[in-house]
Amino acid sequence: QVQLTESGGGLVQPGGSLRLSCATSGFAVSSARMFWYRQAPGKGREWVADITPGLRTDYADSVKGRFTISTDHAKNMVYLQMNSLNAEDTAVYSCMGRQNWGKGTLVTVSS
């Protein structure tokens, strides 16, 4: 059974950093393209970043240069390092792989 579980969200001040984690089971991260999405309050779901099994990455323009997606194939984990956070980054962040979604973790950027 495929499962994805995000963690690492919380309250952070503008300009701060957070690292989100996504623990996966039921499939190998090393064989799947993995995604991070986010959904801000009152808005639709937005693609944030993705990473291929060959470790090629791609980012939304809104996070490029500030966020970094990575994987640990041995641990079957996906990460999202988020730096220079601002209020517009406030959202529920979810990881996705093999068309399966986690429940998400809330990131709130506020002073």
N, C-alpha and C. Protein backbone atom coordinates (compact mmCIF):
# COMPACT_ATOMS: atom_id res chain seq x y z
N GLN A 1 0.85 -1.19 0.00
CA GLN A 1 0.00 0.00 0.00
C GLN A 1 0.88 1.25 0.00
N VAL A 2 0.58 2.14 -0.92
CA VAL A 2 1.37 3.37 -1.03
C VAL A 2 0.93 4.37 0.04
N GLN A 3 1.89 4.92 0.76
CA GLN A 3 1.61 5.95 1.74
C GLN A 3 2.66 7.04 1.67
N LEU A 4 2.23 8.27 1.84
CA LEU A 4 3.12 9.42 1.91
C LEU A 4 2.72 10.23 3.13
N THR A 5 3.69 10.62 3.93
CA THR A 5 3.42 11.36 5.15
C THR A 5 4.38 12.52 5.26
N GLU A 6 3.81 13.73 5.23
CA GLU A 6 4.62 14.94 5.32
C GLU A 6 4.81 15.35 6.78
N SER A 7 5.92 16.04 7.02
CA SER A 7 6.19 16.61 8.34
C SER A 7 7.11 17.81 8.18
N GLY A 8 7.24 18.58 9.25
CA GLY A 8 8.18 19.69 9.24
C GLY A 8 7.57 21.06 9.11
N GLY A 9 6.26 21.12 8.93
CA GLY A 9 5.60 22.41 8.83
C GLY A 9 5.54 23.11 10.18
N GLY A 10 5.12 24.35 10.16
CA GLY A 10 5.00 25.11 11.39
C GLY A 10 4.94 26.59 11.12
N LEU A 11 5.10 27.36 12.18
CA LEU A 11 5.08 28.81 12.10
C LEU A 11 6.51 29.33 12.00
N VAL A 12 6.77 30.18 11.04
CA VAL A 12 8.10 30.74 10.85
C VAL A 12 7.97 32.21 10.50
N GLN A 13 8.95 32.98 10.91
CA GLN A 13 8.93 34.42 10.62
C GLN A 13 9.37 34.68 9.18
N PRO A 14 8.93 35.78 8.60
CA PRO A 14 9.40 36.14 7.26
C PRO A 14 10.92 36.17 7.21
N GLY A 15 11.46 35.60 6.14
CA GLY A 15 12.91 35.49 6.00
C GLY A 15 13.49 34.22 6.58
N GLY A 16 12.68 33.46 7.28
CA GLY A 16 13.15 32.23 7.91
C GLY A 16 13.18 31.05 6.97
N SER A 17 13.53 29.90 7.55
CA SER A 17 13.67 28.67 6.77
C SER A 17 12.95 27.52 7.45
N LEU A 18 12.54 26.57 6.65
CA LEU A 18 11.97 25.31 7.13
C LEU A 18 12.39 24.21 6.17
N ARG A 19 12.48 23.00 6.69
CA ARG A 19 12.69 21.83 5.83
C ARG A 19 11.53 20.87 6.03
N LEU A 20 10.83 20.63 4.95
CA LEU A 20 9.74 19.67 4.96
C LEU A 20 10.26 18.29 4.57
N SER A 21 9.67 17.28 5.17
CA SER A 21 10.03 15.89 4.85
C SER A 21 8.79 15.14 4.40
N CYS A 22 8.99 14.18 3.53
CA CYS A 22 7.91 13.31 3.07
C CYS A 22 8.41 11.88 3.16
N ALA A 23 7.86 11.13 4.09
CA ALA A 23 8.20 9.72 4.24
C ALA A 23 7.29 8.89 3.35
N THR A 24 7.86 8.00 2.59
CA THR A 24 7.06 7.22 1.65
C THR A 24 7.20 5.73 1.93
N SER A 25 6.19 4.98 1.53
CA SER A 25 6.23 3.52 1.60
C SER A 25 5.37 2.96 0.49
N GLY A 26 5.65 1.74 0.11
CA GLY A 26 4.86 1.08 -0.92
C GLY A 26 5.41 1.22 -2.32
N PHE A 27 6.41 2.04 -2.48
CA PHE A 27 7.09 2.17 -3.76
C PHE A 27 8.46 2.78 -3.50
N ALA A 28 9.31 2.69 -4.49
CA ALA A 28 10.66 3.21 -4.34
C ALA A 28 10.76 4.62 -4.91
N VAL A 29 11.19 5.55 -4.08
CA VAL A 29 11.39 6.93 -4.53
C VAL A 29 12.40 6.97 -5.67
N SER A 30 13.32 6.02 -5.66
CA SER A 30 14.36 5.98 -6.68
C SER A 30 13.82 5.67 -8.06
N SER A 31 12.57 5.24 -8.15
CA SER A 31 11.99 4.88 -9.43
C SER A 31 10.81 5.76 -9.81
N ALA A 32 10.59 6.83 -9.07
CA ALA A 32 9.40 7.66 -9.29
C ALA A 32 9.76 9.13 -9.35
N ARG A 33 9.05 9.85 -10.17
CA ARG A 33 9.14 11.31 -10.15
C ARG A 33 8.32 11.78 -8.97
N MET A 34 8.92 12.61 -8.13
CA MET A 34 8.28 13.06 -6.91
C MET A 34 8.01 14.56 -6.97
N PHE A 35 6.91 14.94 -6.39
CA PHE A 35 6.43 16.32 -6.50
C PHE A 35 6.13 16.90 -5.12
N TRP A 36 6.28 18.21 -5.00
CA TRP A 36 5.72 18.99 -3.91
C TRP A 36 4.71 19.96 -4.53
N TYR A 37 3.55 20.03 -3.90
CA TYR A 37 2.52 21.00 -4.25
C TYR A 37 2.17 21.78 -2.99
N ARG A 38 1.47 22.89 -3.18
CA ARG A 38 0.97 23.64 -2.04
C ARG A 38 -0.39 24.24 -2.36
N GLN A 39 -1.14 24.48 -1.31
CA GLN A 39 -2.44 25.12 -1.47
C GLN A 39 -2.58 26.18 -0.39
N ALA A 40 -2.62 27.43 -0.83
CA ALA A 40 -2.78 28.54 0.08
C ALA A 40 -4.25 28.69 0.44
N PRO A 41 -4.55 29.34 1.56
CA PRO A 41 -5.95 29.52 1.96
C PRO A 41 -6.76 30.22 0.88
N GLY A 42 -7.86 29.62 0.48
CA GLY A 42 -8.73 30.23 -0.50
C GLY A 42 -8.25 30.13 -1.94
N LYS A 43 -7.18 29.39 -2.17
CA LYS A 43 -6.63 29.28 -3.53
C LYS A 43 -6.55 27.81 -3.97
N GLY A 44 -6.30 27.62 -5.23
CA GLY A 44 -6.17 26.28 -5.76
C GLY A 44 -4.80 25.70 -5.50
N ARG A 45 -4.67 24.40 -5.76
CA ARG A 45 -3.40 23.73 -5.57
C ARG A 45 -2.38 24.21 -6.61
N GLU A 46 -1.15 24.41 -6.15
CA GLU A 46 -0.09 24.95 -7.00
C GLU A 46 1.11 24.01 -6.96
N TRP A 47 1.61 23.67 -8.15
CA TRP A 47 2.84 22.89 -8.22
C TRP A 47 4.01 23.73 -7.72
N VAL A 48 4.88 23.14 -6.91
CA VAL A 48 6.02 23.85 -6.34
C VAL A 48 7.33 23.37 -6.96
N ALA A 49 7.53 22.06 -6.96
CA ALA A 49 8.80 21.51 -7.44
C ALA A 49 8.64 20.03 -7.70
N ASP A 50 9.55 19.49 -8.52
CA ASP A 50 9.59 18.05 -8.69
C ASP A 50 11.01 17.59 -8.95
N ILE A 51 11.21 16.29 -8.76
CA ILE A 51 12.54 15.71 -8.93
C ILE A 51 12.37 14.33 -9.57
N THR A 52 13.20 14.06 -10.56
CA THR A 52 13.14 12.78 -11.26
C THR A 52 14.03 11.75 -10.56
N PRO A 53 13.87 10.47 -10.94
CA PRO A 53 14.77 9.46 -10.37
C PRO A 53 16.24 9.75 -10.66
N GLY A 54 16.50 10.43 -11.76
CA GLY A 54 17.86 10.82 -12.09
C GLY A 54 18.32 12.11 -11.43
N LEU A 55 17.49 12.63 -10.53
CA LEU A 55 17.79 13.81 -9.70
C LEU A 55 17.75 15.12 -10.48
N ARG A 56 17.04 15.13 -11.61
CA ARG A 56 16.81 16.40 -12.29
C ARG A 56 15.65 17.10 -11.60
N THR A 57 15.82 18.38 -11.33
CA THR A 57 14.83 19.13 -10.57
C THR A 57 14.22 20.24 -11.41
N ASP A 58 13.02 20.65 -11.02
CA ASP A 58 12.35 21.77 -11.66
C ASP A 58 11.54 22.49 -10.59
N TYR A 59 11.40 23.82 -10.75
CA TYR A 59 10.76 24.64 -9.74
C TYR A 59 9.80 25.64 -10.37
N ALA A 60 8.77 25.96 -9.60
CA ALA A 60 7.90 27.07 -9.98
C ALA A 60 8.71 28.36 -9.88
N ASP A 61 8.39 29.32 -10.75
CA ASP A 61 9.13 30.58 -10.74
C ASP A 61 9.05 31.26 -9.37
N SER A 62 7.93 31.08 -8.68
CA SER A 62 7.72 31.77 -7.41
C SER A 62 8.66 31.28 -6.30
N VAL A 63 9.25 30.09 -6.48
CA VAL A 63 10.13 29.55 -5.43
C VAL A 63 11.55 29.33 -5.92
N LYS A 64 11.79 29.53 -7.19
CA LYS A 64 13.11 29.26 -7.76
C LYS A 64 14.17 30.11 -7.07
N GLY A 65 15.26 29.46 -6.68
CA GLY A 65 16.33 30.15 -5.98
C GLY A 65 16.16 30.20 -4.47
N ARG A 66 14.97 29.83 -4.00
CA ARG A 66 14.71 29.84 -2.55
C ARG A 66 14.44 28.44 -2.00
N PHE A 67 13.82 27.59 -2.80
CA PHE A 67 13.47 26.24 -2.37
C PHE A 67 14.36 25.23 -3.08
N THR A 68 14.61 24.12 -2.38
CA THR A 68 15.39 23.04 -2.97
C THR A 68 14.71 21.70 -2.66
N ILE A 69 14.41 20.94 -3.69
CA ILE A 69 13.83 19.61 -3.52
C ILE A 69 14.95 18.59 -3.60
N SER A 70 14.86 17.56 -2.78
CA SER A 70 15.86 16.51 -2.79
C SER A 70 15.24 15.19 -2.34
N THR A 71 15.95 14.13 -2.59
CA THR A 71 15.49 12.80 -2.17
C THR A 71 16.62 12.04 -1.51
N ASP A 72 16.26 11.11 -0.67
CA ASP A 72 17.19 10.16 -0.09
C ASP A 72 16.67 8.78 -0.48
N HIS A 73 17.28 8.20 -1.49
CA HIS A 73 16.76 6.93 -2.00
C HIS A 73 16.89 5.81 -0.97
N ALA A 74 17.93 5.84 -0.18
CA ALA A 74 18.12 4.78 0.82
C ALA A 74 17.03 4.82 1.88
N LYS A 75 16.58 6.03 2.23
CA LYS A 75 15.55 6.19 3.25
C LYS A 75 14.15 6.32 2.66
N ASN A 76 14.06 6.38 1.34
CA ASN A 76 12.77 6.55 0.66
C ASN A 76 12.07 7.84 1.11
N MET A 77 12.86 8.91 1.21
CA MET A 77 12.37 10.19 1.69
C MET A 77 12.49 11.26 0.61
N VAL A 78 11.61 12.24 0.69
CA VAL A 78 11.66 13.42 -0.17
C VAL A 78 11.68 14.64 0.75
N TYR A 79 12.45 15.63 0.39
CA TYR A 79 12.59 16.82 1.22
C TYR A 79 12.32 18.08 0.40
N LEU A 80 11.95 19.13 1.11
CA LEU A 80 11.83 20.45 0.51
C LEU A 80 12.44 21.45 1.48
N GLN A 81 13.62 21.93 1.14
CA GLN A 81 14.27 22.97 1.92
C GLN A 81 13.75 24.32 1.44
N MET A 82 13.20 25.10 2.37
CA MET A 82 12.59 26.37 2.01
C MET A 82 13.31 27.49 2.75
N ASN A 83 13.88 28.40 2.02
CA ASN A 83 14.60 29.54 2.58
C ASN A 83 13.94 30.84 2.17
N SER A 84 14.29 31.90 2.86
CA SER A 84 13.77 33.24 2.55
C SER A 84 12.25 33.23 2.41
N LEU A 85 11.60 32.62 3.38
CA LEU A 85 10.15 32.47 3.32
C LEU A 85 9.46 33.83 3.48
N ASN A 86 8.33 33.97 2.79
CA ASN A 86 7.51 35.17 2.92
C ASN A 86 6.05 34.77 3.09
N ALA A 87 5.22 35.74 3.35
CA ALA A 87 3.81 35.46 3.66
C ALA A 87 3.11 34.71 2.53
N GLU A 88 3.54 34.95 1.31
CA GLU A 88 2.91 34.29 0.16
C GLU A 88 3.23 32.79 0.12
N ASP A 89 4.17 32.34 0.92
CA ASP A 89 4.49 30.92 0.98
C ASP A 89 3.59 30.17 1.97
N THR A 90 2.75 30.89 2.69
CA THR A 90 1.83 30.25 3.63
C THR A 90 0.87 29.35 2.87
N ALA A 91 0.86 28.06 3.25
CA ALA A 91 0.04 27.08 2.52
C ALA A 91 0.17 25.72 3.20
N VAL A 92 -0.70 24.83 2.79
CA VAL A 92 -0.53 23.42 3.12
C VAL A 92 0.33 22.79 2.02
N TYR A 93 1.43 22.18 2.40
CA TYR A 93 2.36 21.58 1.44
C TYR A 93 2.16 20.07 1.44
N SER A 94 2.03 19.53 0.23
CA SER A 94 1.79 18.10 0.09
C SER A 94 2.79 17.50 -0.89
N CYS A 95 3.20 16.27 -0.62
CA CYS A 95 4.03 15.58 -1.59
C CYS A 95 3.20 14.56 -2.35
N MET A 96 3.63 14.27 -3.54
CA MET A 96 2.91 13.36 -4.42
C MET A 96 3.88 12.48 -5.18
N GLY A 97 3.52 11.20 -5.30
CA GLY A 97 4.31 10.28 -6.10
C GLY A 97 3.43 9.13 -6.53
N ARG A 98 3.62 8.68 -7.76
CA ARG A 98 2.82 7.59 -8.32
C ARG A 98 1.32 7.85 -8.16
N GLN A 99 0.94 9.10 -8.36
CA GLN A 99 -0.47 9.55 -8.27
C GLN A 99 -1.06 9.39 -6.88
N ASN A 100 -0.22 9.25 -5.88
CA ASN A 100 -0.68 9.18 -4.51
C ASN A 100 -0.23 10.42 -3.75
N TRP A 101 -1.08 10.89 -2.85
CA TRP A 101 -0.86 12.13 -2.12
C TRP A 101 -0.77 11.88 -0.62
N GLY A 102 0.07 12.71 0.04
CA GLY A 102 0.02 12.78 1.47
C GLY A 102 -1.07 13.73 1.91
N LYS A 103 -1.27 13.84 3.23
CA LYS A 103 -2.32 14.71 3.76
C LYS A 103 -1.86 16.15 3.86
N GLY A 104 -0.55 16.36 3.82
CA GLY A 104 -0.02 17.71 3.83
C GLY A 104 0.44 18.17 5.20
N THR A 105 1.25 19.21 5.19
CA THR A 105 1.73 19.85 6.40
C THR A 105 1.61 21.36 6.23
N LEU A 106 1.13 22.04 7.27
CA LEU A 106 0.84 23.46 7.17
C LEU A 106 2.09 24.29 7.46
N VAL A 107 2.36 25.21 6.57
CA VAL A 107 3.43 26.19 6.76
C VAL A 107 2.80 27.57 6.86
N THR A 108 3.08 28.24 7.96
CA THR A 108 2.56 29.59 8.17
C THR A 108 3.73 30.54 8.34
N VAL A 109 3.79 31.54 7.47
CA VAL A 109 4.85 32.54 7.54
C VAL A 109 4.24 33.83 8.04
N SER A 110 4.63 34.21 9.24
CA SER A 110 4.02 35.39 9.86
C SER A 110 4.92 35.90 10.97
N SER A 111 4.87 37.22 11.16
CA SER A 111 5.62 37.81 12.26
C SER A 111 4.74 37.95 13.49
